[in-house]
C-alpha atoms as a PDB file:
ATOM      1  CA  MET A   1     -39.391  76.181 233.953  1.00  0.00           C
ATOM      2  CA  GLY A   2     -37.860  77.071 237.280  1.00  0.00           C
ATOM      3  CA  MET A   3     -34.340  76.117 238.261  1.00  0.00           C
ATOM      4  CA  THR A   4     -33.921  73.637 241.091  1.00  0.00           C
ATOM      5  CA  MET A   5     -31.845  75.106 243.917  1.00  0.00           C
ATOM      6  CA  SER A   6     -29.548  72.813 245.819  1.00  0.00           C
ATOM      7  CA  PRO A   7     -30.049  72.957 249.589  1.00  0.00           C
ATOM      8  CA  ARG A   8     -27.634  75.242 251.416  1.00  0.00           C
ATOM      9  CA  PRO A   9     -25.017  73.193 253.237  1.00  0.00           C
ATOM     10  CA  ALA A  10     -25.437  73.208 256.995  1.00  0.00           C
ATOM     11  CA  ARG A  11     -22.860  75.221 258.896  1.00  0.00           C
ATOM     12  CA  VAL A  12     -21.334  73.325 261.773  1.00  0.00           C
ATOM     13  CA  ILE A  13     -20.666  75.524 264.790  1.00  0.00           C
ATOM     14  CA  ASP A  14     -18.078  74.288 267.235  1.00  0.00           C
ATOM     15  CA  LEU A  15     -19.451  75.624 270.526  1.00  0.00           C
ATOM     16  CA  GLU A  16     -16.407  74.527 272.513  1.00  0.00           C
ATOM     17  CA  THR A  17     -14.068  76.441 270.176  1.00  0.00           C
ATOM     18  CA  MET A  18     -16.256  79.531 270.502  1.00  0.00           C
ATOM     19  CA  ARG A  19     -16.266  79.202 274.274  1.00  0.00           C
ATOM     20  CA  GLN A  20     -12.464  78.940 274.386  1.00  0.00           C
ATOM     21  CA  LYS A  21     -12.123  82.044 272.210  1.00  0.00           C
ATOM     22  CA  GLN A  22     -14.403  84.007 274.529  1.00  0.00           C
ATOM     23  CA  LEU A  23     -12.460  82.834 277.574  1.00  0.00           C
ATOM     24  CA  ALA A  24      -9.175  83.823 275.898  1.00  0.00           C
ATOM     25  CA  LYS A  25     -10.455  87.388 275.478  1.00  0.00           C
ATOM     26  CA  ARG A  26     -10.980  87.581 279.245  1.00  0.00           C
ATOM     27  CA  ARG A  27      -7.513  86.165 279.981  1.00  0.00           C
ATOM     28  CA  LEU A  28      -5.290  88.375 282.140  1.00  0.00           C
ATOM     29  CA  ILE A  29      -2.099  89.398 280.344  1.00  0.00           C
ATOM     30  CA  ARG A  30      -0.608  91.964 282.750  1.00  0.00           C
ATOM     31  CA  LEU A  31      -0.876  92.939 286.428  1.00  0.00           C
ATOM     32  CA  SER A  32      -0.164  96.145 288.307  1.00  0.00           C
ATOM     33  CA  PRO A  33      -0.164  96.390 292.123  1.00  0.00           C
ATOM     34  CA  GLU A  34      -2.531  98.837 293.811  1.00  0.00           C
ATOM     35  CA  LEU A  35      -0.396 100.996 296.083  1.00  0.00           C
ATOM     36  CA  ASP A  36      -2.645 104.017 296.725  1.00  0.00           C
ATOM     37  CA  GLY A  37      -5.348 102.392 298.852  1.00  0.00           C
ATOM     38  CA  LEU A  38      -8.177 102.211 296.297  1.00  0.00           C
ATOM     39  CA  GLU A  39     -11.001  99.925 297.391  1.00  0.00           C
ATOM     40  CA  MET A  40     -13.672  97.638 296.056  1.00  0.00           C
ATOM     41  CA  ILE A  41     -17.133  98.541 297.382  1.00  0.00           C
ATOM     42  CA  TYR A  42     -19.692  95.762 297.812  1.00  0.00           C
ATOM     43  CA  ARG A  43     -22.928  95.109 299.658  1.00  0.00           C
ATOM     44  CA  LEU A  44     -24.829  92.161 301.102  1.00  0.00           C
ATOM     45  CA  ALA A  45     -28.396  91.171 300.273  1.00  0.00           C
ATOM     46  CA  SER A  46     -29.089  90.846 304.000  1.00  0.00           C
ATOM     47  CA  ASP A  47     -28.157  94.522 304.532  1.00  0.00           C
ATOM     48  CA  PRO A  48     -28.737  96.335 301.206  1.00  0.00           C
ATOM     49  CA  ASP A  49     -28.481  99.817 302.721  1.00  0.00           C
ATOM     50  CA  SER A  50     -24.916  99.294 303.957  1.00  0.00           C
ATOM     51  CA  PHE A  51     -21.758  99.348 301.869  1.00  0.00           C
ATOM     52  CA  TYR A  52     -18.479  97.611 302.664  1.00  0.00           C
ATOM     53  CA  GLY A  53     -14.976  98.379 301.481  1.00  0.00           C
ATOM     54  CA  MET A  54     -12.177  95.922 300.685  1.00  0.00           C
ATOM     55  CA  PRO A  55      -8.668  96.981 299.593  1.00  0.00           C
ATOM     56  CA  ILE A  56      -7.814  96.170 295.984  1.00  0.00           C
ATOM     57  CA  LEU A  57      -4.681  94.051 295.652  1.00  0.00           C
ATOM     58  CA  ALA A  58      -3.932  94.681 291.986  1.00  0.00           C
ATOM     59  CA  TRP A  59      -5.301  95.708 288.603  1.00  0.00           C
ATOM     60  CA  GLY A  60      -5.327  93.359 285.636  1.00  0.00           C
ATOM     61  CA  LEU A  61      -5.318  94.006 281.894  1.00  0.00           C
ATOM     62  CA  ARG A  62      -7.345  91.440 279.962  1.00  0.00           C
ATOM     63  CA  GLU A  63      -6.700  90.378 276.403  1.00  0.00           C
ATOM     64  CA  ASP A  64      -9.845  92.222 275.288  1.00  0.00           C
ATOM     65  CA  GLY A  65      -8.344  95.483 276.597  1.00  0.00           C
ATOM     66  CA  GLU A  66     -10.488  95.859 279.724  1.00  0.00           C
ATOM     67  CA  VAL A  67      -8.780  96.727 283.010  1.00  0.00           C
ATOM     68  CA  VAL A  68     -10.301  95.168 286.144  1.00  0.00           C
ATOM     69  CA  GLY A  69      -9.672  95.440 289.863  1.00  0.00           C
ATOM     70  CA  LEU A  70      -8.583  92.213 291.567  1.00  0.00           C
ATOM     71  CA  VAL A  71      -9.155  91.061 295.156  1.00  0.00           C
ATOM     72  CA  PRO A  72      -8.413  87.756 296.973  1.00  0.00           C
ATOM     73  CA  TRP A  73     -11.963  86.412 297.182  1.00  0.00           C
ATOM     74  CA  MET A  74     -12.985  82.893 298.165  1.00  0.00           C
ATOM     75  CA  GLU A  75     -10.767  80.553 296.097  1.00  0.00           C
ATOM     76  CA  ALA A  76      -9.088  82.926 293.640  1.00  0.00           C
ATOM     77  CA  LEU A  77      -7.716  86.364 292.897  1.00  0.00           C
ATOM     78  CA  THR A  78     -11.019  87.525 291.453  1.00  0.00           C
ATOM     79  CA  PRO A  79     -12.040  90.398 289.141  1.00  0.00           C
ATOM     80  CA  CYS A  80     -14.247  92.646 291.251  1.00  0.00           C
ATOM     81  CA  HIS A  81     -17.112  92.760 288.750  1.00  0.00           C
ATOM     82  CA  TYR A  82     -17.383  88.952 288.909  1.00  0.00           C
ATOM     83  CA  ILE A  83     -18.420  89.208 292.557  1.00  0.00           C
ATOM     84  CA  ASP A  84     -22.199  88.865 292.550  1.00  0.00           C
ATOM     85  CA  ASP A  85     -23.427  86.648 295.368  1.00  0.00           C
ATOM     86  CA  ALA A  86     -26.401  87.407 297.571  1.00  0.00           C
ATOM     87  CA  GLU A  87     -24.817  85.825 300.651  1.00  0.00           C
ATOM     88  CA  HIS A  88     -21.170  86.830 300.386  1.00  0.00           C
ATOM     89  CA  GLY A  89     -21.408  90.120 298.516  1.00  0.00           C
ATOM     90  CA  SER A  90     -22.141  91.931 295.251  1.00  0.00           C
ATOM     91  CA  PHE A  91     -19.778  94.392 293.577  1.00  0.00           C
ATOM     92  CA  VAL A  92     -20.893  98.043 293.523  1.00  0.00           C
ATOM     93  CA  GLY A  93     -17.852  99.954 292.264  1.00  0.00           C
ATOM     94  CA  TYR A  94     -14.351 101.212 293.015  1.00  0.00           C
ATOM     95  CA  ARG A  95     -13.690 103.911 295.611  1.00  0.00           C
ATOM     96  CA  ASP A  96     -10.897 106.355 296.312  1.00  0.00           C
ATOM     97  CA  PRO A  97     -10.970 106.744 300.140  1.00  0.00           C
ATOM     98  CA  GLU A  98      -9.140 110.080 299.946  1.00  0.00           C
ATOM     99  CA  THR A  99     -11.652 111.808 297.678  1.00  0.00           C
ATOM    100  CA  GLU A 100     -14.565 109.420 298.402  1.00  0.00           C
ATOM    101  CA  GLU A 101     -15.148 109.236 294.655  1.00  0.00           C
ATOM    102  CA  LEU A 102     -17.040 106.139 293.489  1.00  0.00           C
ATOM    103  CA  MET A 103     -16.021 104.781 290.083  1.00  0.00           C
ATOM    104  CA  GLU A 104     -17.670 102.160 287.881  1.00  0.00           C
ATOM    105  CA  THR A 105     -14.493 101.397 285.919  1.00  0.00           C
ATOM    106  CA  ALA A 106     -10.753 101.308 286.573  1.00  0.00           C
ATOM    107  CA  PRO A 107      -9.065 104.703 287.064  1.00  0.00           C
ATOM    108  CA  PRO A 108      -7.458 106.108 283.884  1.00  0.00           C
ATOM    109  CA  HIS A 109      -3.925 106.147 285.311  1.00  0.00           C
ATOM    110  CA  LYS A 110      -4.041 102.371 285.881  1.00  0.00           C
ATOM    111  CA  VAL A 111      -5.395 101.755 282.384  1.00  0.00           C
ATOM    112  CA  TYR A 112      -2.573 103.873 280.935  1.00  0.00           C
ATOM    113  CA  GLU A 113       0.068 102.115 283.057  1.00  0.00           C
ATOM    114  CA  LEU A 114      -1.072  98.612 282.138  1.00  0.00           C
ATOM    115  CA  GLU A 115      -1.487  99.301 278.439  1.00  0.00           C
ATOM    116  CA  HIS A 116       2.030 100.709 278.143  1.00  0.00           C
ATOM    117  CA  ALA A 117       3.561  97.958 280.280  1.00  0.00           C
ATOM    118  CA  ALA A 118       1.886  95.272 278.156  1.00  0.00           C
ATOM    119  CA  ALA A 119       3.163  96.909 274.969  1.00  0.00           C
ATOM    120  CA  TYR A 120       6.697  97.041 276.387  1.00  0.00           C
ATOM    121  CA  PHE A 121       6.717  93.469 277.749  1.00  0.00           C
ATOM    122  CA  ASP A 122       5.289  91.875 274.608  1.00  0.00           C
ATOM    123  CA  TYR A 123       5.892  88.178 275.236  1.00  0.00           C
ATOM    124  CA  GLU A 124       5.794  85.641 272.419  1.00  0.00           C
ATOM    125  CA  GLU A 125       3.179  82.937 272.812  1.00  0.00           C
ATOM    126  CA  THR A 126       4.443  79.419 273.416  1.00  0.00           C
ATOM    127  CA  ARG A 127       2.762  76.051 273.736  1.00  0.00           C
ATOM    128  CA  ASP A 128       4.082  75.620 277.264  1.00  0.00           C
ATOM    129  CA  ILE A 129       2.613  77.645 280.119  1.00  0.00           C
ATOM    130  CA  THR A 130       5.219  80.180 281.253  1.00  0.00           C
ATOM    131  CA  LEU A 131       5.565  82.619 284.141  1.00  0.00           C
ATOM    132  CA  ILE A 132       4.739  86.211 283.142  1.00  0.00           C
ATOM    133  CA  GLN A 133       4.841  88.178 286.407  1.00  0.00           C
ATOM    134  CA  GLN A 134       5.359  87.918 290.157  1.00  0.00           C
ATOM    135  CA  LEU A 135       3.832  90.418 292.555  1.00  0.00           C
ATOM    136  CA  PRO A 136       4.299  90.647 296.327  1.00  0.00           C
ATOM    137  CA  ASP A 137       1.176  90.501 298.486  1.00  0.00           C
ATOM    138  CA  THR A 138       0.689  93.916 300.094  1.00  0.00           C
ATOM    139  CA  LEU A 139      -2.510  93.212 302.063  1.00  0.00           C
ATOM    140  CA  GLY A 140      -1.446  90.522 304.529  1.00  0.00           C
ATOM    141  CA  THR A 141      -3.653  87.992 302.744  1.00  0.00           C
ATOM    142  CA  HIS A 142      -3.839  84.514 304.275  1.00  0.00           C
ATOM    143  CA  ALA A 143      -4.907  81.213 302.762  1.00  0.00           C
ATOM    144  CA  LEU A 144      -6.762  78.397 304.449  1.00  0.00           C
ATOM    145  CA  CYS A 145      -5.474  75.219 302.808  1.00  0.00           C
ATOM    146  CA  VAL A 146      -7.492  71.997 302.773  1.00  0.00           C
ATOM    147  CA  ASP A 147      -5.946  68.754 301.505  1.00  0.00           C
ATOM    148  CA  ASP A 148      -8.902  66.440 302.197  1.00  0.00           C
ATOM    149  CA  ASP A 149     -12.299  66.603 303.902  1.00  0.00           C
ATOM    150  CA  HIS A 150     -11.112  64.869 307.074  1.00  0.00           C
ATOM    151  CA  GLY A 151      -7.603  66.307 307.379  1.00  0.00           C
ATOM    152  CA  PRO A 152      -6.548  69.383 309.380  1.00  0.00           C
ATOM    153  CA  TRP A 153      -6.726  72.875 307.934  1.00  0.00           C
ATOM    154  CA  GLN A 154      -3.549  74.860 307.439  1.00  0.00           C
ATOM    155  CA  LEU A 155      -3.586  78.646 307.721  1.00  0.00           C
ATOM    156  CA  LYS A 156      -0.742  80.125 305.684  1.00  0.00           C
ATOM    157  CA  GLN A 157       0.389  83.626 304.815  1.00  0.00           C
ATOM    158  CA  VAL A 158       0.322  84.571 301.141  1.00  0.00           C
ATOM    159  CA  PHE A 159       3.685  86.039 300.160  1.00  0.00           C
ATOM    160  CA  GLY A 160       2.977  86.860 296.536  1.00  0.00           C
ATOM    161  CA  TRP A 161       1.115  86.110 293.327  1.00  0.00           C
ATOM    162  CA  ARG A 162       2.188  84.643 289.997  1.00  0.00           C
ATOM    163  CA  LEU A 163       0.579  85.402 286.647  1.00  0.00           C
ATOM    164  CA  TYR A 164       1.018  82.689 284.025  1.00  0.00           C
ATOM    165  CA  SER A 165       0.746  82.888 280.244  1.00  0.00           C
ATOM    166  CA  ASP A 166      -2.625  81.113 280.272  1.00  0.00           C
ATOM    167  CA  GLY A 167      -4.076  83.930 282.406  1.00  0.00           C
ATOM    168  CA  ASN A 168      -4.192  81.978 285.670  1.00  0.00           C
ATOM    169  CA  VAL A 169      -3.008  83.647 288.868  1.00  0.00           C
ATOM    170  CA  GLU A 170      -1.634  81.534 291.713  1.00  0.00           C
ATOM    171  CA  ALA A 171      -0.964  82.505 295.328  1.00  0.00           C
ATOM    172  CA  LEU A 172       2.569  81.874 296.609  1.00  0.00           C
ATOM    173  CA  LEU A 173       2.751  80.004 299.921  1.00  0.00           C
ATOM    174  CA  ALA A 174       5.831  79.008 301.883  1.00  0.00           C
ATOM    175  CA  ASP A 175       7.094  75.555 302.747  1.00  0.00           C
ATOM    176  CA  GLU A 176       8.276  76.302 306.278  1.00  0.00           C
ATOM    177  CA  LYS A 177      10.903  73.535 306.120  1.00  0.00           C
ATOM    178  CA  LEU A 178      12.630  75.250 303.188  1.00  0.00           C
ATOM    179  CA  ILE A 179      12.779  78.813 304.522  1.00  0.00           C
ATOM    180  CA  GLU A 180      16.435  79.829 304.673  1.00  0.00           C
ATOM    181  CA  SER A 181      16.116  83.561 305.362  1.00  0.00           C
ATOM    182  CA  THR A 182      13.491  86.110 306.332  1.00  0.00           C
ATOM    183  CA  PRO A 183      11.606  88.095 305.248  1.00  0.00           C
ATOM    184  CA  VAL A 184      10.369  85.698 302.592  1.00  0.00           C
ATOM    185  CA  LEU A 185      10.329  87.371 299.158  1.00  0.00           C
ATOM    186  CA  PRO A 186       8.419  86.331 295.984  1.00  0.00           C
ATOM    187  CA  GLY A 187      11.462  84.799 294.267  1.00  0.00           C
ATOM    188  CA  ASP A 188      12.579  82.589 297.182  1.00  0.00           C
ATOM    189  CA  PRO A 189      12.835  78.829 296.480  1.00  0.00           C
ATOM    190  CA  CYS A 190      10.720  77.966 299.540  1.00  0.00           C
ATOM    191  CA  LEU A 191       7.599  79.290 297.800  1.00  0.00           C
ATOM    192  CA  TYR A 192       5.139  77.197 295.831  1.00  0.00           C
ATOM    193  CA  PRO A 193       1.816  77.843 294.036  1.00  0.00           C
ATOM    194  CA  GLY A 194      -1.020  77.032 296.450  1.00  0.00           C
ATOM    195  CA  HIS A 195      -3.113  74.806 294.193  1.00  0.00           C
ATOM    196  CA  SER A 196      -0.079  72.714 293.254  1.00  0.00           C
ATOM    197  CA  ARG A 197      -0.179  71.097 296.739  1.00  0.00           C
ATOM    198  CA  HIS A 198      -3.607  71.737 298.220  1.00  0.00           C
ATOM    199  CA  ARG A 199      -6.988  70.564 296.982  1.00  0.00           C
ATOM    200  CA  MET A 200      -8.717  73.731 298.151  1.00  0.00           C
ATOM    201  CA  VAL A 201      -7.332  77.177 298.983  1.00  0.00           C
ATOM    202  CA  TYR A 202      -9.566  79.871 300.511  1.00  0.00           C
ATOM    203  CA  PHE A 203      -8.366  83.444 300.931  1.00  0.00           C
ATOM    204  CA  PHE A 204      -8.969  85.734 303.906  1.00  0.00           C
ATOM    205  CA  GLN A 205      -8.045  89.233 304.932  1.00  0.00           C
ATOM    206  CA  ARG A 206      -5.500  89.622 307.703  1.00  0.00           C
ATOM    207  CA  SER A 207      -8.119  90.590 310.316  1.00  0.00           C
ATOM    208  CA  ILE A 208     -10.132  87.404 309.739  1.00  0.00           C
ATOM    209  CA  ALA A 209      -6.949  85.303 309.725  1.00  0.00           C
ATOM    210  CA  SER A 210      -6.142  86.729 313.168  1.00  0.00           C
ATOM    211  CA  ARG A 211      -9.551  85.625 314.471  1.00  0.00           C
ATOM    212  CA  ILE A 212      -8.994  82.144 313.067  1.00  0.00           C
ATOM    213  CA  ARG A 213      -5.645  81.942 314.857  1.00  0.00           C
ATOM    214  CA  GLU A 214      -7.280  83.087 318.080  1.00  0.00           C
ATOM    215  CA  GLN A 215      -9.865  80.271 317.711  1.00  0.00           C
ATOM    216  CA  ASP A 216     -12.773  82.726 317.738  1.00  0.00           C
ATOM    217  CA  PRO A 217     -15.860  80.443 318.001  1.00  0.00           C
ATOM    218  CA  GLY A 218     -18.114  82.468 315.709  1.00  0.00           C
ATOM    219  CA  THR A 219     -15.440  82.757 313.036  1.00  0.00           C
ATOM    220  CA  LEU A 220     -14.639  79.038 313.168  1.00  0.00           C
ATOM    221  CA  GLU A 221     -18.308  78.084 312.915  1.00  0.00           C
ATOM    222  CA  ALA A 222     -18.847  80.317 309.887  1.00  0.00           C
ATOM    223  CA  LEU A 223     -15.637  78.963 308.403  1.00  0.00           C
ATOM    224  CA  ALA A 224     -16.755  75.354 308.730  1.00  0.00           C
ATOM    225  CA  LEU A 225     -20.070  76.112 307.005  1.00  0.00           C
ATOM    226  CA  MET A 226     -18.345  77.933 304.157  1.00  0.00           C
ATOM    227  CA  VAL A 227     -15.379  75.633 303.516  1.00  0.00           C
ATOM    228  CA  ILE A 228     -17.152  72.314 304.106  1.00  0.00           C
ATOM    229  CA  PRO A 229     -20.884  73.028 303.623  1.00  0.00           C
ATOM    230  CA  GLU A 230     -21.685  69.317 303.797  1.00  0.00           C
ATOM    231  CA  ALA A 231     -20.797  69.437 307.505  1.00  0.00           C
ATOM    232  CA  SER A 232     -24.034  71.278 308.284  1.00  0.00           C
ATOM    233  CA  ALA A 233     -26.061  68.654 306.434  1.00  0.00           C
ATOM    234  CA  THR A 234     -24.479  65.666 308.116  1.00  0.00           C
ATOM    235  CA  SER A 235     -24.362  67.033 311.641  1.00  0.00           C
ATOM    236  CA  GLY A 236     -28.097  67.472 312.086  1.00  0.00           C
END
């Protein structure tokens, strides 16, 4: 006579817990500024035979050990390999303008630097979100700040970047009323994280910020379509 087997208990999988663990592995734990002019290379679907270069602001070490290039892109300081948009651009690789070498991954000297820095500055985890690093902005990055759909835009210079213990990176903007001395430096009390005051923050290179200040019609039209896409739907 055979032996009756009890059914195997069902295993409950907490998908949200798994998702949080995966996100934690991609969390940035250390930053290093890019000071040698290395670039991110990307291309547009509308012009696939052309390649465009954008200076890298910094390199970031993730919790899973991967080192990624970071650029101010749209609404965040973004890992280059996350950039994959047919309209705005798709990441191709990293480039050294001096040697014209194209690289698929971060250069070894940056990997070495970040790994050793992270081992030296080994912070204990806490429940509260804490400040890990502050970096100055070396690219002349500007932020277009939007508080509500019908309010005016504010174009502000980005003075630095803060890395927090949860892996988030915030741009540092200045409250002009609180500036006591110039030049403004990353530790000055007049600075605040952009998303702490503004509903939306969009980042631009210095050249585009100059065109916005000059009220260039083409730039302003493209800006309106990008920042408030509903405007194109309601205006027609």
